[in-house]
């Protein structure tokens, strides 16, 4: 089991590059950051945690750009995985985003994982021209189009929401296949989408029965004829040896821990304490 950190980035508190450098030094293997381009003040979409238009954290309105953020992290680290939990690819032009991700993977030596969401905030998606009832289809087309640009010498794609003729696009990612993880509720609909188009699942903060959901994912994966096993990234709040052992047996491959929204010194001390608790459970500290 791998252990990682997710930072709810904002324009206050510790800089992500400082936090990620410290996380790498403490032995954490991955660092995840979120994305929201903006939050419409007037909207109809309910937050999945509150069930209303109320946001549980003001950092939703202050989130840093994930790819610029990961670029700063890449510059001061050498091993830690650079990922998103979650990015919203359909809020970007897919050709431009493909270039951004390929460049980051190239410059970081192949450390990028794309953690993506369908987008709970359909009002935010609407401002980007994405129909809320088509967001899964749009994401699938964007991913397929980006993979064409990443892997084909003369790339082209034709879909309902993205289309371009034969084109050249370099650099290609260092990785032959940039992993795609989907952060969404653990439903059969989500898992069938992952089994068709993704490489793994990121749990949501409200997920309560990770083991049962993971079993359903494995079933959908096998029924789709996929080989191997999907990556399962579970969000956790407090290390517990028995719980982590159950999760590992169920197929969880990674566990992520968040950081407090506090000054730099407090966050660095928290990372050191967390690493100390995880060391007996398999975290290898540098």
Protein backbone atom coordinates (compact mmCIF):
# COMPACT_ATOMS: atom_id res chain seq x y z
CA UNK A 1 0.00 0.00 0.00
CA UNK A 2 1.25 3.47 -0.97
CA UNK A 3 0.71 6.58 1.11
CA UNK A 4 0.20 10.06 -0.29
CA UNK A 5 -0.88 13.59 0.55
CA UNK A 6 -3.71 15.68 -0.86
CA UNK A 7 -3.58 19.45 -0.35
CA UNK A 8 -6.66 21.60 -0.77
CA UNK A 9 -4.60 24.38 -2.33
CA UNK A 10 -5.48 28.04 -1.98
CA UNK A 11 -3.88 31.47 -2.03
CA UNK A 12 -3.09 31.26 1.69
CA UNK A 13 -1.08 29.02 3.96
CA UNK A 14 1.81 26.80 3.00
CA UNK A 15 2.97 26.84 -0.61
CA UNK A 16 2.34 23.49 -2.32
CA UNK A 17 5.98 23.16 -3.43
CA UNK A 18 7.13 23.50 0.19
CA UNK A 19 4.56 20.97 1.37
CA UNK A 20 5.32 18.47 -1.40
CA UNK A 21 9.08 18.69 -0.86
CA UNK A 22 8.56 17.96 2.82
CA UNK A 23 6.14 15.13 2.00
CA UNK A 24 8.69 13.52 -0.31
CA UNK A 25 11.39 13.81 2.36
CA UNK A 26 9.05 12.12 4.85
CA UNK A 27 8.54 9.19 2.47
CA UNK A 28 5.13 9.95 1.00
CA UNK A 29 4.86 8.68 -2.57
CA UNK A 30 2.25 10.95 -4.11
CA UNK A 31 0.94 14.50 -3.90
CA UNK A 32 -2.54 15.42 -5.15
CA UNK A 33 -4.10 18.85 -5.74
CA UNK A 34 -7.66 19.89 -6.78
CA UNK A 35 -9.19 22.13 -9.42
CA UNK A 36 -12.01 24.63 -9.66
CA UNK A 37 -11.73 27.41 -12.22
CA UNK A 38 -14.41 29.47 -10.47
CA UNK A 39 -17.56 29.03 -8.40
CA UNK A 40 -20.70 30.72 -9.78
CA UNK A 41 -22.37 32.63 -6.95
CA UNK A 42 -25.86 31.83 -8.17
CA UNK A 43 -26.31 28.20 -9.05
CA UNK A 44 -28.59 25.20 -8.92
CA UNK A 45 -25.97 22.50 -8.29
CA UNK A 46 -25.84 21.22 -4.72
CA UNK A 47 -22.53 20.38 -3.10
CA UNK A 48 -22.40 16.59 -2.57
CA UNK A 49 -21.26 17.05 1.02
CA UNK A 50 -23.74 19.67 2.22
CA UNK A 51 -26.62 18.79 -0.08
CA UNK A 52 -27.24 22.49 -0.65
CA UNK A 53 -25.65 25.44 -2.44
CA UNK A 54 -23.58 26.06 0.70
CA UNK A 55 -19.88 25.25 0.37
CA UNK A 56 -18.15 23.45 3.26
CA UNK A 57 -14.86 25.34 2.73
CA UNK A 58 -14.07 28.76 1.28
CA UNK A 59 -11.02 27.30 -0.48
CA UNK A 60 -13.38 26.15 -3.25
CA UNK A 61 -13.36 29.79 -4.36
CA UNK A 62 -9.59 30.20 -3.87
CA UNK A 63 -8.17 27.05 -5.51
CA UNK A 64 -4.86 27.36 -7.32
CA UNK A 65 -4.44 26.18 -10.91
CA UNK A 66 -3.44 22.51 -10.57
CA UNK A 67 -0.99 22.31 -13.47
CA UNK A 68 0.95 25.44 -12.57
CA UNK A 69 1.01 24.16 -8.99
CA UNK A 70 2.32 20.73 -9.98
CA UNK A 71 4.94 22.41 -12.14
CA UNK A 72 6.32 24.23 -9.11
CA UNK A 73 6.33 20.94 -7.21
CA UNK A 74 8.13 19.12 -10.02
CA UNK A 75 10.92 21.71 -9.83
CA UNK A 76 11.77 20.94 -6.19
CA UNK A 77 11.12 17.17 -6.04
CA UNK A 78 12.51 14.14 -7.84
CA UNK A 79 10.38 11.11 -6.97
CA UNK A 80 6.93 12.01 -5.73
CA UNK A 81 3.96 11.34 -8.03
CA UNK A 82 2.30 14.50 -9.37
CA UNK A 83 -1.46 14.10 -9.46
CA UNK A 84 -4.83 15.79 -9.18
CA UNK A 85 -7.77 15.01 -6.91
CA UNK A 86 -9.49 16.00 -8.90
CA UNK A 87 -8.92 18.00 -12.05
CA UNK A 88 -11.79 18.97 -14.34
CA UNK A 89 -10.46 18.37 -17.87
CA UNK A 90 -13.71 19.38 -19.55
CA UNK A 91 -13.19 22.93 -18.28
CA UNK A 92 -10.10 23.27 -20.51
CA UNK A 93 -9.48 23.04 -24.21
CA UNK A 94 -8.42 19.40 -24.69
CA UNK A 95 -5.66 20.14 -27.20
CA UNK A 96 -4.11 22.74 -24.90
CA UNK A 97 -4.54 20.55 -21.82
CA UNK A 98 -2.91 17.61 -23.60
CA UNK A 99 0.11 19.83 -24.27
CA UNK A 100 0.23 20.96 -20.63
CA UNK A 101 0.10 17.44 -19.21
CA UNK A 102 2.58 16.07 -21.75
CA UNK A 103 4.99 18.91 -20.95
CA UNK A 104 4.72 18.31 -17.20
CA UNK A 105 5.26 14.57 -17.65
CA UNK A 106 8.25 15.26 -19.93
CA UNK A 107 9.88 17.76 -17.56
CA UNK A 108 9.19 15.71 -14.42
CA UNK A 109 10.55 12.46 -15.83
CA UNK A 110 7.22 10.66 -16.14
CA UNK A 111 5.60 11.38 -12.78
CA UNK A 112 2.12 12.59 -13.78
CA UNK A 113 -1.18 10.90 -12.98
CA UNK A 114 -4.44 12.50 -14.09
CA UNK A 115 -7.06 12.31 -11.38
CA UNK A 116 -10.25 13.61 -12.97
CA UNK A 117 -13.84 14.25 -11.99
CA UNK A 118 -17.06 14.48 -13.95
CA UNK A 119 -17.89 17.74 -12.15
CA UNK A 120 -20.49 17.98 -9.39
CA UNK A 121 -20.89 21.72 -9.99
CA UNK A 122 -22.87 21.66 -13.21
CA UNK A 123 -23.22 25.46 -13.11
CA UNK A 124 -19.43 25.73 -13.27
CA UNK A 125 -19.39 23.29 -16.18
CA UNK A 126 -22.13 25.25 -17.94
CA UNK A 127 -19.96 28.38 -17.95
CA UNK A 128 -17.42 26.31 -19.89
CA UNK A 129 -20.06 25.20 -22.38
CA UNK A 130 -20.37 21.65 -21.01
CA UNK A 131 -23.96 20.32 -20.72
CA UNK A 132 -24.41 18.84 -17.26
CA UNK A 133 -26.27 15.81 -18.61
CA UNK A 134 -23.42 15.06 -21.03
CA UNK A 135 -20.43 15.57 -18.74
CA UNK A 136 -19.40 11.91 -18.70
CA UNK A 137 -19.51 11.72 -22.49
CA UNK A 138 -17.56 14.96 -22.83
CA UNK A 139 -14.88 13.70 -20.42
CA UNK A 140 -14.56 10.42 -22.33
CA UNK A 141 -14.08 12.27 -25.63
CA UNK A 142 -11.55 14.67 -24.10
CA UNK A 143 -9.52 11.78 -22.67
CA UNK A 144 -9.61 9.90 -25.96
CA UNK A 145 -8.57 13.01 -27.86
CA UNK A 146 -5.71 13.74 -25.47
CA UNK A 147 -4.50 10.14 -25.67
CA UNK A 148 -4.42 10.46 -29.46
CA UNK A 149 -2.21 13.54 -29.14
CA UNK A 150 0.02 11.78 -26.60
CA UNK A 151 0.53 8.57 -28.56
CA UNK A 152 0.10 9.17 -32.30
CA UNK A 153 2.70 10.76 -34.55
CA UNK A 154 -0.08 12.21 -36.68
CA UNK A 155 -2.95 12.55 -34.25
CA UNK A 156 -6.59 13.11 -35.12
CA UNK A 157 -9.93 12.74 -33.38
CA UNK A 158 -13.58 13.07 -34.33
CA UNK A 159 -16.30 13.28 -31.69
CA UNK A 160 -19.40 15.24 -30.81
CA UNK A 161 -17.56 17.60 -28.45
CA UNK A 162 -13.99 17.63 -29.76
CA UNK A 163 -12.70 17.18 -33.27
CA UNK A 164 -9.44 17.91 -35.08
CA UNK A 165 -7.71 16.68 -38.21
CA UNK A 166 -4.27 15.10 -38.56
CA UNK A 167 -1.86 17.07 -36.38
CA UNK A 168 1.65 17.00 -34.94
CA UNK A 169 2.06 17.48 -31.21
CA UNK A 170 5.20 17.06 -29.14
CA UNK A 171 6.51 16.48 -26.57
CA UNK A 172 4.92 13.13 -25.93
CA UNK A 173 4.61 12.08 -22.27
CA UNK A 174 7.51 10.03 -20.91
CA UNK A 175 4.99 7.42 -19.81
CA UNK A 176 3.58 5.23 -22.54
CA UNK A 177 0.23 5.53 -20.79
CA UNK A 178 -0.61 8.46 -18.50
CA UNK A 179 -2.80 6.90 -15.77
CA UNK A 180 -6.36 8.16 -15.44
CA UNK A 181 -8.07 7.94 -12.05
CA UNK A 182 -11.70 8.98 -11.61
CA UNK A 183 -12.79 10.70 -8.41
CA UNK A 184 -16.54 10.16 -8.02
CA UNK A 185 -19.10 8.38 -5.89
CA UNK A 186 -18.69 4.62 -5.72
CA UNK A 187 -21.64 3.64 -7.89
CA UNK A 188 -22.03 1.02 -10.59
CA UNK A 189 -22.39 3.81 -13.16
CA UNK A 190 -19.04 5.29 -12.10
CA UNK A 191 -17.33 1.91 -12.07
CA UNK A 192 -18.58 0.93 -15.52
CA UNK A 193 -17.18 4.22 -16.84
CA UNK A 194 -13.82 3.48 -15.18
CA UNK A 195 -13.78 -0.08 -16.47
CA UNK A 196 -14.27 1.20 -20.00
CA UNK A 197 -12.09 4.30 -20.01
CA UNK A 198 -10.05 4.66 -16.82
CA UNK A 199 -7.32 3.05 -14.76
CA UNK A 200 -8.63 3.45 -11.24
CA UNK A 201 -10.86 5.15 -8.70
CA UNK A 202 -10.38 7.92 -6.11
CA UNK A 203 -12.93 7.74 -3.31
CA UNK A 204 -14.92 10.79 -2.21
CA UNK A 205 -14.64 12.32 1.28
CA UNK A 206 -18.16 11.07 2.10
CA UNK A 207 -17.46 7.45 1.10
CA UNK A 208 -18.18 5.21 4.10
CA UNK A 209 -17.95 1.62 2.81
CA UNK A 210 -14.76 1.53 0.76
CA UNK A 211 -14.39 -2.26 0.86
CA UNK A 212 -17.86 -2.99 -0.55
CA UNK A 213 -17.50 -0.33 -3.24
CA UNK A 214 -14.10 -1.68 -4.22
CA UNK A 215 -15.61 -5.14 -4.64
CA UNK A 216 -18.19 -3.68 -7.04
CA UNK A 217 -15.43 -1.93 -8.97
CA UNK A 218 -13.52 -5.21 -9.30
CA UNK A 219 -16.68 -6.90 -10.60
CA UNK A 220 -17.24 -4.20 -13.24
CA UNK A 221 -13.55 -4.34 -14.17
CA UNK A 222 -13.65 -8.09 -14.74
CA UNK A 223 -16.94 -7.94 -16.66
CA UNK A 224 -15.36 -5.38 -19.01
CA UNK A 225 -12.57 -7.85 -19.77
CA UNK A 226 -9.86 -5.66 -18.26
CA UNK A 227 -6.63 -7.38 -17.23
CA UNK A 228 -4.91 -6.89 -13.90
CA UNK A 229 -6.63 -4.75 -11.28
CA UNK A 230 -7.63 -1.09 -11.08
CA UNK A 231 -5.80 1.31 -8.82
CA UNK A 232 -7.92 2.30 -5.83
CA UNK A 233 -7.00 5.52 -4.01
CA UNK A 234 -8.85 5.94 -0.72
CA UNK A 235 -9.12 9.20 1.21
CA UNK A 236 -8.46 8.69 4.92
CA UNK A 237 -8.54 10.97 7.94
CA UNK A 238 -6.73 9.09 10.69
CA UNK A 239 -4.38 6.09 10.34
CA UNK A 240 -5.75 2.88 11.82
CA UNK A 241 -3.84 -0.35 11.30
CA UNK A 242 -6.87 -2.65 11.30
CA UNK A 243 -8.82 -0.48 8.87
CA UNK A 244 -5.87 -0.15 6.51
CA UNK A 245 -5.35 -3.91 6.58
CA UNK A 246 -9.01 -4.44 5.61
CA UNK A 247 -8.69 -1.91 2.82
CA UNK A 248 -5.54 -3.55 1.48
CA UNK A 249 -7.26 -6.93 1.45
CA UNK A 250 -10.20 -5.39 -0.44
CA UNK A 251 -7.89 -4.02 -3.13
CA UNK A 252 -7.08 -0.47 -2.00
CA UNK A 253 -3.65 0.39 -3.41
CA UNK A 254 -3.15 3.94 -2.13
CA UNK A 255 -4.27 5.98 0.87
CA UNK A 256 -4.29 9.78 0.89
CA UNK A 257 -4.24 12.12 3.88
CA UNK A 258 -5.17 15.78 3.83
CA UNK A 259 -3.33 18.60 5.55
CA UNK A 260 -4.61 21.24 7.97
CA UNK A 261 -5.29 24.73 6.65
CA UNK A 262 -2.67 26.23 8.95
CA UNK A 263 0.64 28.13 8.77
CA UNK A 264 3.70 26.46 7.27
CA UNK A 265 5.33 25.43 10.55
CA UNK A 266 2.16 23.68 11.73
CA UNK A 267 1.74 21.82 8.44
CA UNK A 268 5.35 20.62 8.39
CA UNK A 269 5.01 19.38 11.97
CA UNK A 270 1.78 17.58 11.02
CA UNK A 271 3.50 15.82 8.10
CA UNK A 272 6.27 14.62 10.39
CA UNK A 273 3.79 13.30 12.96
CA UNK A 274 1.71 11.59 10.27
CA UNK A 275 4.78 9.94 8.77
CA UNK A 276 5.73 8.66 12.21
CA UNK A 277 2.32 7.03 12.62
CA UNK A 278 2.48 5.45 9.15
CA UNK A 279 6.07 4.21 9.37
CA UNK A 280 5.09 1.02 11.24
CA UNK A 281 2.44 0.45 8.53
CA UNK A 282 4.85 0.51 5.61
CA UNK A 283 5.82 4.12 4.92
CA UNK A 284 9.55 4.28 4.17
CA UNK A 285 10.96 7.55 5.45
CA UNK A 286 14.06 9.00 3.81
